[in-house]
Amino acid sequence: MLASAALAALGLLAVAAVAAAQPDNDLAALLAELEPGFEVLPLTDGYVLKPRAEDAPVQLLEVRDGAVIADGEPLTRRRLRRLLGDSAAAALLELAELTAAADELASARRRLA
């Protein structure tokens, strides 16, 4: 029992170390890349992005829990690329991965506390 608890704690620490290794400047660079096309608002568990273009194919994007949601509907990678183009889709998918990693880190910290 003690060995499995120690192994679980080591696993959580490994997840936390990997997530913590992601520099904050990667996030800042992604947000700066998205800023020209979107108004970006932080949430406690992700981001809301409002397209600046009046004729945008979506009204609101949410990035949380490792997913990109457009107007309340989760998007596949393919649909995201079709709607917003390769560059914006790549940045949004990377942002989704970073928010998922941050969520995992926060969860691991809570379990270890």
C-alpha atoms as a PDB file:
ATOM      1  CA  MET A   1       0.000   0.000   0.000  1.00  0.00           C
ATOM      2  CA  LEU A   2       2.783   2.408   0.978  1.00  0.00           C
ATOM      3  CA  ALA A   3       4.770   1.500  -2.134  1.00  0.00           C
ATOM      4  CA  SER A   4       1.817   2.207  -4.437  1.00  0.00           C
ATOM      5  CA  ALA A   5       1.163   5.546  -2.700  1.00  0.00           C
ATOM      6  CA  ALA A   6       4.818   6.499  -3.131  1.00  0.00           C
ATOM      7  CA  LEU A   7       4.697   5.456  -6.779  1.00  0.00           C
ATOM      8  CA  ALA A   8       1.565   7.529  -7.336  1.00  0.00           C
ATOM      9  CA  ALA A   9       3.216  10.543  -5.691  1.00  0.00           C
ATOM     10  CA  LEU A  10       6.262  10.131  -7.941  1.00  0.00           C
ATOM     11  CA  GLY A  11       4.001   9.986 -10.979  1.00  0.00           C
ATOM     12  CA  LEU A  12       2.268  13.185  -9.936  1.00  0.00           C
ATOM     13  CA  LEU A  13       5.605  14.876  -9.382  1.00  0.00           C
ATOM     14  CA  ALA A  14       6.731  13.816 -12.853  1.00  0.00           C
ATOM     15  CA  VAL A  15       3.585  15.320 -14.390  1.00  0.00           C
ATOM     16  CA  ALA A  16       4.123  18.504 -12.382  1.00  0.00           C
ATOM     17  CA  ALA A  17       7.765  18.726 -13.465  1.00  0.00           C
ATOM     18  CA  VAL A  18       6.888  18.341 -17.143  1.00  0.00           C
ATOM     19  CA  ALA A  19       4.140  20.959 -16.918  1.00  0.00           C
ATOM     20  CA  ALA A  20       6.346  23.354 -14.978  1.00  0.00           C
ATOM     21  CA  ALA A  21       9.074  23.018 -17.586  1.00  0.00           C
ATOM     22  CA  GLN A  22       6.857  24.821 -20.120  1.00  0.00           C
ATOM     23  CA  PRO A  23       8.099  28.412 -19.997  1.00  0.00           C
ATOM     24  CA  ASP A  24       5.622  31.210 -19.412  1.00  0.00           C
ATOM     25  CA  ASN A  25       7.073  33.065 -22.379  1.00  0.00           C
ATOM     26  CA  ASP A  26       5.638  30.372 -24.698  1.00  0.00           C
ATOM     27  CA  LEU A  27       2.203  31.304 -23.404  1.00  0.00           C
ATOM     28  CA  ALA A  28       2.943  35.018 -23.776  1.00  0.00           C
ATOM     29  CA  ALA A  29       4.145  34.449 -27.351  1.00  0.00           C
ATOM     30  CA  LEU A  30       0.990  32.491 -28.218  1.00  0.00           C
ATOM     31  CA  LEU A  31      -1.260  35.158 -26.754  1.00  0.00           C
ATOM     32  CA  ALA A  32       0.677  37.859 -28.631  1.00  0.00           C
ATOM     33  CA  GLU A  33       0.233  35.847 -31.838  1.00  0.00           C
ATOM     34  CA  LEU A  34      -3.531  35.656 -31.282  1.00  0.00           C
ATOM     35  CA  GLU A  35      -4.017  39.302 -30.182  1.00  0.00           C
ATOM     36  CA  PRO A  36      -4.212  40.863 -33.677  1.00  0.00           C
ATOM     37  CA  GLY A  37      -7.153  38.656 -34.621  1.00  0.00           C
ATOM     38  CA  PHE A  38      -8.841  38.186 -31.250  1.00  0.00           C
ATOM     39  CA  GLU A  39      -9.657  39.996 -28.055  1.00  0.00           C
ATOM     40  CA  VAL A  40      -8.230  37.553 -25.487  1.00  0.00           C
ATOM     41  CA  LEU A  41      -9.727  37.401 -21.996  1.00  0.00           C
ATOM     42  CA  PRO A  42      -8.277  35.110 -19.317  1.00  0.00           C
ATOM     43  CA  LEU A  43     -10.502  32.824 -17.254  1.00  0.00           C
ATOM     44  CA  THR A  44      -9.525  30.882 -14.149  1.00  0.00           C
ATOM     45  CA  ASP A  45      -9.369  27.701 -16.247  1.00  0.00           C
ATOM     46  CA  GLY A  46      -8.641  28.938 -19.763  1.00  0.00           C
ATOM     47  CA  TYR A  47      -9.352  31.791 -22.157  1.00  0.00           C
ATOM     48  CA  VAL A  48     -12.216  33.380 -24.044  1.00  0.00           C
ATOM     49  CA  LEU A  49     -11.394  34.819 -27.451  1.00  0.00           C
ATOM     50  CA  LYS A  50     -13.651  37.195 -29.343  1.00  0.00           C
ATOM     51  CA  PRO A  51     -12.779  37.640 -33.022  1.00  0.00           C
ATOM     52  CA  ARG A  52     -11.980  41.237 -33.960  1.00  0.00           C
ATOM     53  CA  ALA A  53     -13.325  40.827 -37.514  1.00  0.00           C
ATOM     54  CA  GLU A  54     -17.027  41.536 -37.840  1.00  0.00           C
ATOM     55  CA  ASP A  55     -17.404  38.850 -40.511  1.00  0.00           C
ATOM     56  CA  ALA A  56     -15.644  36.119 -38.498  1.00  0.00           C
ATOM     57  CA  PRO A  57     -17.118  32.617 -38.871  1.00  0.00           C
ATOM     58  CA  VAL A  58     -17.559  32.363 -35.075  1.00  0.00           C
ATOM     59  CA  GLN A  59     -18.684  34.849 -32.445  1.00  0.00           C
ATOM     60  CA  LEU A  60     -16.847  33.457 -29.439  1.00  0.00           C
ATOM     61  CA  LEU A  61     -14.135  30.885 -28.759  1.00  0.00           C
ATOM     62  CA  GLU A  62     -13.368  29.221 -25.446  1.00  0.00           C
ATOM     63  CA  VAL A  63     -10.105  27.429 -24.772  1.00  0.00           C
ATOM     64  CA  ARG A  64     -10.319  25.241 -21.675  1.00  0.00           C
ATOM     65  CA  ASP A  65      -9.795  21.671 -20.554  1.00  0.00           C
ATOM     66  CA  GLY A  66      -7.587  21.043 -23.582  1.00  0.00           C
ATOM     67  CA  ALA A  67     -10.396  21.854 -26.016  1.00  0.00           C
ATOM     68  CA  VAL A  68     -11.363  24.682 -28.341  1.00  0.00           C
ATOM     69  CA  ILE A  69     -15.075  25.485 -28.256  1.00  0.00           C
ATOM     70  CA  ALA A  70     -16.733  27.769 -30.829  1.00  0.00           C
ATOM     71  CA  ASP A  71     -20.082  29.288 -29.940  1.00  0.00           C
ATOM     72  CA  GLY A  72     -20.663  26.486 -27.417  1.00  0.00           C
ATOM     73  CA  GLU A  73     -19.668  23.629 -29.754  1.00  0.00           C
ATOM     74  CA  PRO A  74     -16.395  21.691 -29.297  1.00  0.00           C
ATOM     75  CA  LEU A  75     -14.338  21.779 -32.491  1.00  0.00           C
ATOM     76  CA  THR A  76     -12.254  19.068 -34.066  1.00  0.00           C
ATOM     77  CA  ARG A  77      -8.815  20.046 -35.352  1.00  0.00           C
ATOM     78  CA  ARG A  78     -10.078  19.757 -38.916  1.00  0.00           C
ATOM     79  CA  ARG A  79     -13.110  21.989 -38.350  1.00  0.00           C
ATOM     80  CA  LEU A  80     -10.992  24.524 -36.472  1.00  0.00           C
ATOM     81  CA  ARG A  81      -8.552  24.732 -39.400  1.00  0.00           C
ATOM     82  CA  ARG A  82     -11.401  25.103 -41.885  1.00  0.00           C
ATOM     83  CA  LEU A  83     -13.017  27.889 -39.874  1.00  0.00           C
ATOM     84  CA  LEU A  84      -9.966  29.920 -38.881  1.00  0.00           C
ATOM     85  CA  GLY A  85      -7.075  28.824 -41.092  1.00  0.00           C
ATOM     86  CA  ASP A  86      -3.920  26.900 -40.295  1.00  0.00           C
ATOM     87  CA  SER A  87      -2.047  29.603 -38.372  1.00  0.00           C
ATOM     88  CA  ALA A  88      -4.843  30.554 -35.958  1.00  0.00           C
ATOM     89  CA  ALA A  89      -5.838  26.907 -35.537  1.00  0.00           C
ATOM     90  CA  ALA A  90      -2.267  25.893 -34.672  1.00  0.00           C
ATOM     91  CA  ALA A  91      -1.971  28.683 -32.090  1.00  0.00           C
ATOM     92  CA  LEU A  92      -5.344  27.821 -30.534  1.00  0.00           C
ATOM     93  CA  LEU A  93      -4.514  24.117 -30.360  1.00  0.00           C
ATOM     94  CA  GLU A  94      -1.194  24.891 -28.693  1.00  0.00           C
ATOM     95  CA  LEU A  95      -2.987  27.186 -26.239  1.00  0.00           C
ATOM     96  CA  ALA A  96      -5.425  24.344 -25.500  1.00  0.00           C
ATOM     97  CA  GLU A  97      -2.490  22.018 -24.771  1.00  0.00           C
ATOM     98  CA  LEU A  98      -0.897  24.590 -22.449  1.00  0.00           C
ATOM     99  CA  THR A  99      -4.142  25.120 -20.533  1.00  0.00           C
ATOM    100  CA  ALA A 100      -4.584  21.352 -20.188  1.00  0.00           C
ATOM    101  CA  ALA A 101      -1.017  21.042 -18.843  1.00  0.00           C
ATOM    102  CA  ALA A 102      -1.654  23.884 -16.384  1.00  0.00           C
ATOM    103  CA  ASP A 103      -4.843  22.141 -15.217  1.00  0.00           C
ATOM    104  CA  GLU A 104      -2.913  18.886 -14.679  1.00  0.00           C
ATOM    105  CA  LEU A 105      -0.253  20.729 -12.699  1.00  0.00           C
ATOM    106  CA  ALA A 106      -2.838  22.434 -10.489  1.00  0.00           C
ATOM    107  CA  SER A 107      -4.600  19.115  -9.920  1.00  0.00           C
ATOM    108  CA  ALA A 108      -1.314  17.386  -9.033  1.00  0.00           C
ATOM    109  CA  ARG A 109      -0.436  20.157  -6.593  1.00  0.00           C
ATOM    110  CA  ARG A 110      -3.829  19.834  -4.879  1.00  0.00           C
ATOM    111  CA  ARG A 111      -3.376  16.074  -4.524  1.00  0.00           C
ATOM    112  CA  LEU A 112       0.097  16.477  -3.063  1.00  0.00           C
ATOM    113  CA  ALA A 113      -0.928  19.195  -0.611  1.00  0.00           C
END
